[in-house]
Protein backbone atom coordinates (compact mmCIF):
# COMPACT_ATOMS: atom_id res chain seq x y z
CA MET A 1 2.76 -5.71 2.15
CA LEU A 2 1.12 -8.25 4.44
CA LEU A 3 3.17 -11.26 5.55
CA PHE A 4 2.58 -14.58 3.80
CA THR A 5 2.15 -17.85 5.67
CA ASN A 6 5.13 -20.22 5.61
CA ILE A 7 3.59 -22.28 2.81
CA GLN A 8 2.88 -19.20 0.75
CA ILE A 9 6.45 -17.94 1.20
CA ILE A 10 7.81 -21.29 0.01
CA LEU A 11 5.61 -21.04 -3.07
CA LEU A 12 6.84 -17.52 -3.72
CA TYR A 13 10.42 -18.73 -3.69
CA SER A 14 9.45 -20.93 -6.62
CA PHE A 15 7.28 -18.41 -8.45
CA VAL A 16 7.16 -14.64 -8.43
CA LEU A 17 4.60 -12.37 -10.02
CA ILE A 18 5.99 -9.92 -12.56
CA TRP A 19 4.54 -7.52 -15.13
CA PHE A 20 3.22 -9.41 -18.15
CA ILE A 21 0.62 -7.49 -20.16
CA PRO A 22 0.23 -3.78 -19.38
CA LYS A 23 -3.32 -2.46 -19.19
CA TYR A 24 -3.92 1.07 -20.35
CA HIS A 25 -6.76 3.26 -19.22
CA SER A 26 -8.62 6.42 -20.10
CA CYS A 27 -8.01 9.88 -18.53
CA GLU A 28 -5.26 12.29 -19.43
CA SER A 29 -1.67 11.11 -19.37
CA THR A 30 1.74 12.69 -19.59
CA GLU A 31 4.85 10.73 -20.54
CA ASP A 32 5.03 7.48 -18.56
CA THR A 33 2.77 8.49 -15.68
CA HIS A 34 -0.97 8.67 -16.21
CA HIS A 35 -2.69 10.97 -13.71
CA CYS A 36 -6.40 10.89 -13.06
CA VAL A 37 -6.09 13.83 -10.66
CA LYS A 38 -4.07 16.98 -10.68
CA PRO A 39 -1.19 17.09 -8.18
CA LYS A 40 -3.01 19.22 -5.63
CA ILE A 41 -5.19 18.62 -2.61
CA GLY A 42 -8.83 18.08 -3.40
CA ALA A 43 -8.46 17.24 -7.07
CA GLU A 44 -10.79 14.56 -8.40
CA GLY A 45 -11.23 12.55 -11.58
CA CYS A 46 -11.91 9.19 -13.23
CA GLU A 47 -15.50 8.45 -12.35
CA GLY A 48 -16.31 5.00 -11.02
CA PRO A 49 -14.08 2.27 -9.60
CA ASP A 50 -13.24 0.87 -13.08
CA MET A 51 -12.18 -2.62 -12.04
CA GLN A 52 -9.37 -3.54 -14.36
CA GLY A 53 -8.42 -7.03 -15.43
CA PRO A 54 -5.34 -9.02 -14.39
CA THR A 55 -2.02 -7.96 -15.89
CA MET A 56 0.38 -10.48 -14.38
CA ALA A 57 1.81 -13.93 -15.01
CA LEU A 58 3.69 -16.46 -12.91
CA VAL A 59 7.32 -17.03 -13.82
CA PRO A 60 9.98 -19.15 -12.10
CA TYR A 61 11.78 -17.24 -9.37
CA ASN A 62 15.47 -16.72 -10.07
CA LYS A 63 17.36 -14.27 -7.88
CA ASN A 64 19.70 -13.54 -10.80
CA ASN A 65 16.78 -12.37 -12.95
CA ASP A 66 17.30 -8.67 -13.70
CA VAL A 67 13.65 -7.89 -12.97
CA LEU A 68 13.71 -9.61 -9.59
CA SER A 69 17.25 -8.80 -8.46
CA ILE A 70 16.07 -5.54 -6.90
CA PHE A 71 14.37 -7.58 -4.16
CA ASN A 72 17.71 -9.13 -3.21
CA GLN A 73 19.39 -5.80 -2.64
CA PRO A 74 20.08 -5.45 1.09
CA GLU A 75 19.07 -1.79 0.96
CA ARG A 76 17.26 0.63 -1.34
CA GLU A 77 17.45 4.40 -1.24
CA PHE A 78 14.66 6.91 -1.88
CA ASN A 79 14.12 10.63 -1.51
CA PHE A 80 10.75 11.76 -0.20
CA ALA A 81 9.61 14.91 1.57
CA GLY A 82 13.14 16.30 1.62
CA GLN A 83 14.46 13.23 3.43
CA LYS A 84 16.82 10.55 2.16
CA LEU A 85 15.43 7.16 3.11
CA LYS A 86 17.41 3.95 3.36
CA ILE A 87 15.07 0.97 3.44
CA SER A 88 16.68 -2.34 4.33
CA GLN A 89 15.34 -5.47 2.64
CA ASP A 90 15.44 -9.08 3.83
CA TRP A 91 13.69 -11.32 1.33
CA ASN A 92 15.35 -14.49 2.67
CA LYS A 93 14.02 -13.95 6.19
CA LEU A 94 10.59 -12.38 5.74
CA GLY A 95 9.87 -12.75 2.03
CA VAL A 96 7.42 -10.29 0.50
CA ALA A 97 7.00 -8.40 3.79
CA ALA A 98 10.58 -7.14 3.76
CA VAL A 99 10.99 -5.63 0.30
CA VAL A 100 9.79 -2.38 -1.25
CA TRP A 101 7.06 -2.88 -3.84
CA ASP A 102 6.11 -0.55 -6.68
CA ALA A 103 2.65 0.03 -5.24
CA ALA A 104 4.23 1.54 -2.13
CA ILE A 105 6.56 3.78 -4.15
CA VAL A 106 3.71 5.05 -6.33
CA LEU A 107 1.56 5.77 -3.27
CA CYS A 108 4.45 7.67 -1.66
CA GLU A 109 4.82 9.75 -4.82
CA TYR A 110 1.08 10.42 -4.84
CA LEU A 111 1.14 11.57 -1.22
CA GLU A 112 4.24 13.71 -1.70
CA ALA A 113 2.56 15.47 -4.65
CA GLY A 114 0.01 16.88 -2.20
CA ASN A 115 -3.01 14.90 -3.34
CA VAL A 116 -3.96 14.05 0.27
CA ASP A 117 -4.01 16.49 3.18
CA LEU A 118 -1.96 14.66 5.81
CA ASP A 119 -0.93 17.53 8.07
CA LYS A 120 -1.89 16.65 11.66
CA LYS A 121 -4.22 13.92 10.39
CA ASN A 122 -4.54 10.57 12.15
CA VAL A 123 -3.36 8.01 9.60
CA ILE A 124 -3.03 4.22 9.72
CA GLU A 125 -1.13 2.07 7.25
CA LEU A 126 -2.31 -1.55 6.91
CA GLY A 127 0.06 -4.37 5.93
CA ALA A 128 2.95 -1.92 6.01
CA GLY A 129 5.78 -4.32 5.12
CA SER A 130 8.83 -2.08 4.79
CA GLY A 131 6.87 0.82 6.27
CA ILE A 132 7.88 3.32 3.61
CA VAL A 133 4.33 4.62 3.12
CA GLY A 134 3.92 5.21 6.85
CA ILE A 135 7.35 6.86 7.01
CA VAL A 136 6.52 9.27 4.18
CA SER A 137 3.11 10.03 5.72
CA THR A 138 4.83 10.98 8.96
CA LEU A 139 7.35 13.18 7.15
CA LEU A 140 4.39 14.94 5.51
CA GLY A 141 2.92 15.83 8.90
CA ALA A 142 0.60 12.94 9.76
CA HIS A 143 0.26 11.26 13.15
CA THR A 144 0.83 7.76 11.86
CA THR A 145 0.11 4.23 13.08
CA ILE A 146 2.15 1.76 11.02
CA THR A 147 0.93 -1.84 11.23
CA ASP A 148 1.64 -5.38 10.11
CA LEU A 149 1.57 -8.88 11.58
CA GLU A 150 3.48 -9.57 14.78
CA LYS A 151 6.23 -11.49 12.97
CA ALA A 152 7.13 -8.43 10.91
CA ILE A 153 7.22 -5.92 13.77
CA PRO A 154 10.94 -6.16 14.70
CA TYR A 155 11.97 -5.53 11.09
CA LEU A 156 9.33 -2.85 10.57
CA THR A 157 10.25 -1.05 13.81
CA GLU A 158 13.93 -0.98 12.90
CA VAL A 159 13.28 0.44 9.43
CA VAL A 160 10.89 3.11 10.72
CA ASN A 161 13.13 4.20 13.59
CA THR A 162 16.15 4.35 11.29
CA ASN A 163 14.44 6.65 8.80
CA LEU A 164 12.46 9.04 11.00
CA PRO A 165 14.57 11.75 12.68
CA LYS A 166 14.33 12.35 16.44
CA ARG A 167 12.05 15.35 15.95
CA PHE A 168 9.28 12.98 14.84
CA GLU A 169 9.24 11.05 18.13
CA GLY A 170 5.70 10.88 19.45
CA GLN A 171 4.26 11.44 15.98
CA PHE A 172 4.23 7.77 14.96
CA THR A 173 3.79 4.32 16.40
CA VAL A 174 4.45 0.81 15.08
CA GLN A 175 1.85 -1.78 16.08
CA ALA A 176 0.98 -5.39 15.37
CA LEU A 177 -2.40 -5.74 13.69
CA ASP A 178 -3.87 -9.01 12.49
CA TRP A 179 -6.97 -8.43 10.37
CA ARG A 180 -8.43 -11.66 11.79
CA GLU A 181 -8.38 -10.39 15.37
CA ASN A 182 -11.35 -9.20 17.40
CA LEU A 183 -11.37 -5.48 16.72
CA GLU A 184 -13.74 -4.46 19.52
CA SER A 185 -10.86 -3.17 21.65
CA ARG A 186 -9.81 -0.85 18.83
CA THR A 187 -12.24 2.02 19.26
CA LYS A 188 -10.26 4.67 17.37
CA THR A 189 -11.13 5.65 13.82
CA TYR A 190 -8.74 7.39 11.44
CA ASP A 191 -8.80 10.33 9.08
CA VAL A 192 -6.90 8.38 6.43
CA ILE A 193 -6.34 4.65 5.87
CA LEU A 194 -3.51 3.62 3.54
CA GLY A 195 -2.69 0.26 1.97
CA ALA A 196 -0.10 -0.61 -0.67
CA ASP A 197 -0.20 -4.02 -2.38
CA ILE A 198 -2.38 -5.63 0.28
CA ILE A 199 -5.06 -7.26 -1.91
CA TYR A 200 -3.48 -10.45 -3.22
CA ILE A 201 -4.41 -13.25 -0.78
CA GLU A 202 -8.06 -14.04 -1.36
CA GLU A 203 -8.76 -15.62 2.02
CA THR A 204 -7.81 -12.36 3.74
CA PHE A 205 -10.33 -10.25 1.81
CA PRO A 206 -13.31 -10.52 4.23
CA ASP A 207 -11.08 -9.71 7.22
CA LEU A 208 -9.37 -6.86 5.40
CA LEU A 209 -12.73 -5.35 4.49
CA LYS A 210 -13.94 -5.79 8.08
CA THR A 211 -10.80 -4.05 9.36
CA ILE A 212 -11.13 -1.10 6.99
CA GLU A 213 -14.81 -0.73 7.93
CA HIS A 214 -14.04 -0.86 11.65
CA LEU A 215 -11.21 1.69 11.54
CA SER A 216 -13.16 4.21 9.47
CA ASP A 217 -16.08 6.56 9.92
CA GLU A 218 -18.12 8.61 7.47
CA ASN A 219 -15.26 11.12 7.05
CA THR A 220 -12.38 8.66 6.63
CA LEU A 221 -10.58 8.56 3.30
CA VAL A 222 -9.19 5.18 2.18
CA TYR A 223 -6.39 4.91 -0.38
CA ILE A 224 -5.49 1.52 -1.85
CA SER A 225 -2.49 1.31 -4.18
CA CYS A 226 -2.32 -1.96 -6.10
CA ARG A 227 -1.42 -3.94 -9.16
CA ILE A 228 -4.26 -6.20 -10.31
CA ARG A 229 -2.69 -9.63 -10.82
CA TYR A 230 -5.74 -11.86 -10.89
CA THR A 231 -9.50 -11.54 -11.30
CA ARG A 232 -9.88 -12.21 -7.59
CA ASP A 233 -8.00 -8.98 -6.84
CA SER A 234 -10.66 -7.06 -8.72
CA ASN A 235 -13.20 -8.96 -6.66
CA PHE A 236 -11.91 -7.28 -3.50
CA LEU A 237 -12.36 -3.87 -5.08
CA GLN A 238 -15.93 -4.89 -5.88
CA MET A 239 -16.43 -5.93 -2.23
CA LEU A 240 -14.99 -2.61 -1.08
CA SER A 241 -17.22 -0.65 -3.47
CA GLU A 242 -20.31 -2.15 -1.84
CA VAL A 243 -19.49 -0.33 1.40
CA PHE A 244 -17.42 2.61 0.14
CA ASP A 245 -17.85 5.04 -2.72
CA LEU A 246 -14.78 3.96 -4.66
CA LYS A 247 -13.06 5.72 -7.52
CA LYS A 248 -9.79 5.45 -9.37
CA VAL A 249 -7.69 8.56 -8.72
CA HIS A 250 -4.26 7.75 -10.13
CA VAL A 251 -2.71 5.34 -12.61
CA ASP A 252 1.01 4.86 -13.18
CA ARG A 253 1.33 3.19 -16.57
CA SER A 254 5.04 2.45 -16.43
CA ARG A 255 4.67 0.42 -13.23
CA ASP A 256 1.09 -0.78 -13.83
CA ILE A 257 -0.11 0.57 -10.49
CA THR A 258 -3.54 2.02 -9.74
CA ILE A 259 -4.60 4.01 -6.68
CA TYR A 260 -8.22 3.85 -5.55
CA LYS A 261 -9.88 6.28 -3.15
CA GLY A 262 -12.82 5.29 -0.99
CA LYS A 263 -15.21 6.95 1.44
CA LYS A 264 -18.02 5.22 3.33
CA LYS A 265 -21.37 5.36 1.65
CA THR A 266 -23.98 7.41 3.48
CA LYS A 267 -27.06 5.46 4.49
């Protein structure tokens, strides 16, 4: 989750986005989770990007609200890839960048199910926030670059180092990456690009698209896990689909999260 500006963080203290009207989709579903792909590497499904409409509403932020109280927990525990993870949270200091969002959890579950071949792949996570997606990718065998804005790096580094055992040293790195920066010095492309809940600030969309384009080649797979809150969020998916062949590959109904997969269009 990309860091907000100071003004945006202040606004978020007053209002927080929560689930309002669930949107249901086609494709086969089982119980609460709706899968557009089978849980195995290489499975495909759900033709077309299928830009869904907004499903969220603004409500006053109240830390005692049962729905929102999870963000005020100092630590959350998860089990992924045979590892118990303890992810610290610090909403008061870093706001949305220092909590674990549903889009990240759903993407971790998707990766753990074996839908993406991560073993020995070069992977980058954009707008990592708590870093849980990058951590799980590393546990699943990827060589991972976990990124966010400079302000978030001390928190992100601490969380990552706390949760990755010593045997993973040299397999991951935590780096500052501002999508607005000149990317010419970054000559490396990646096998897989991951992003969880990173398409919610409209003014960042052109720079985010530029960054994804720059860090990818014709073989790169891009996975974006998101909850569509506003029409403008769907607009980014439309922007992305102009450069990448984009398709919906997974929908979690209970948490209203969709994962999109993209690959650069061939000229």
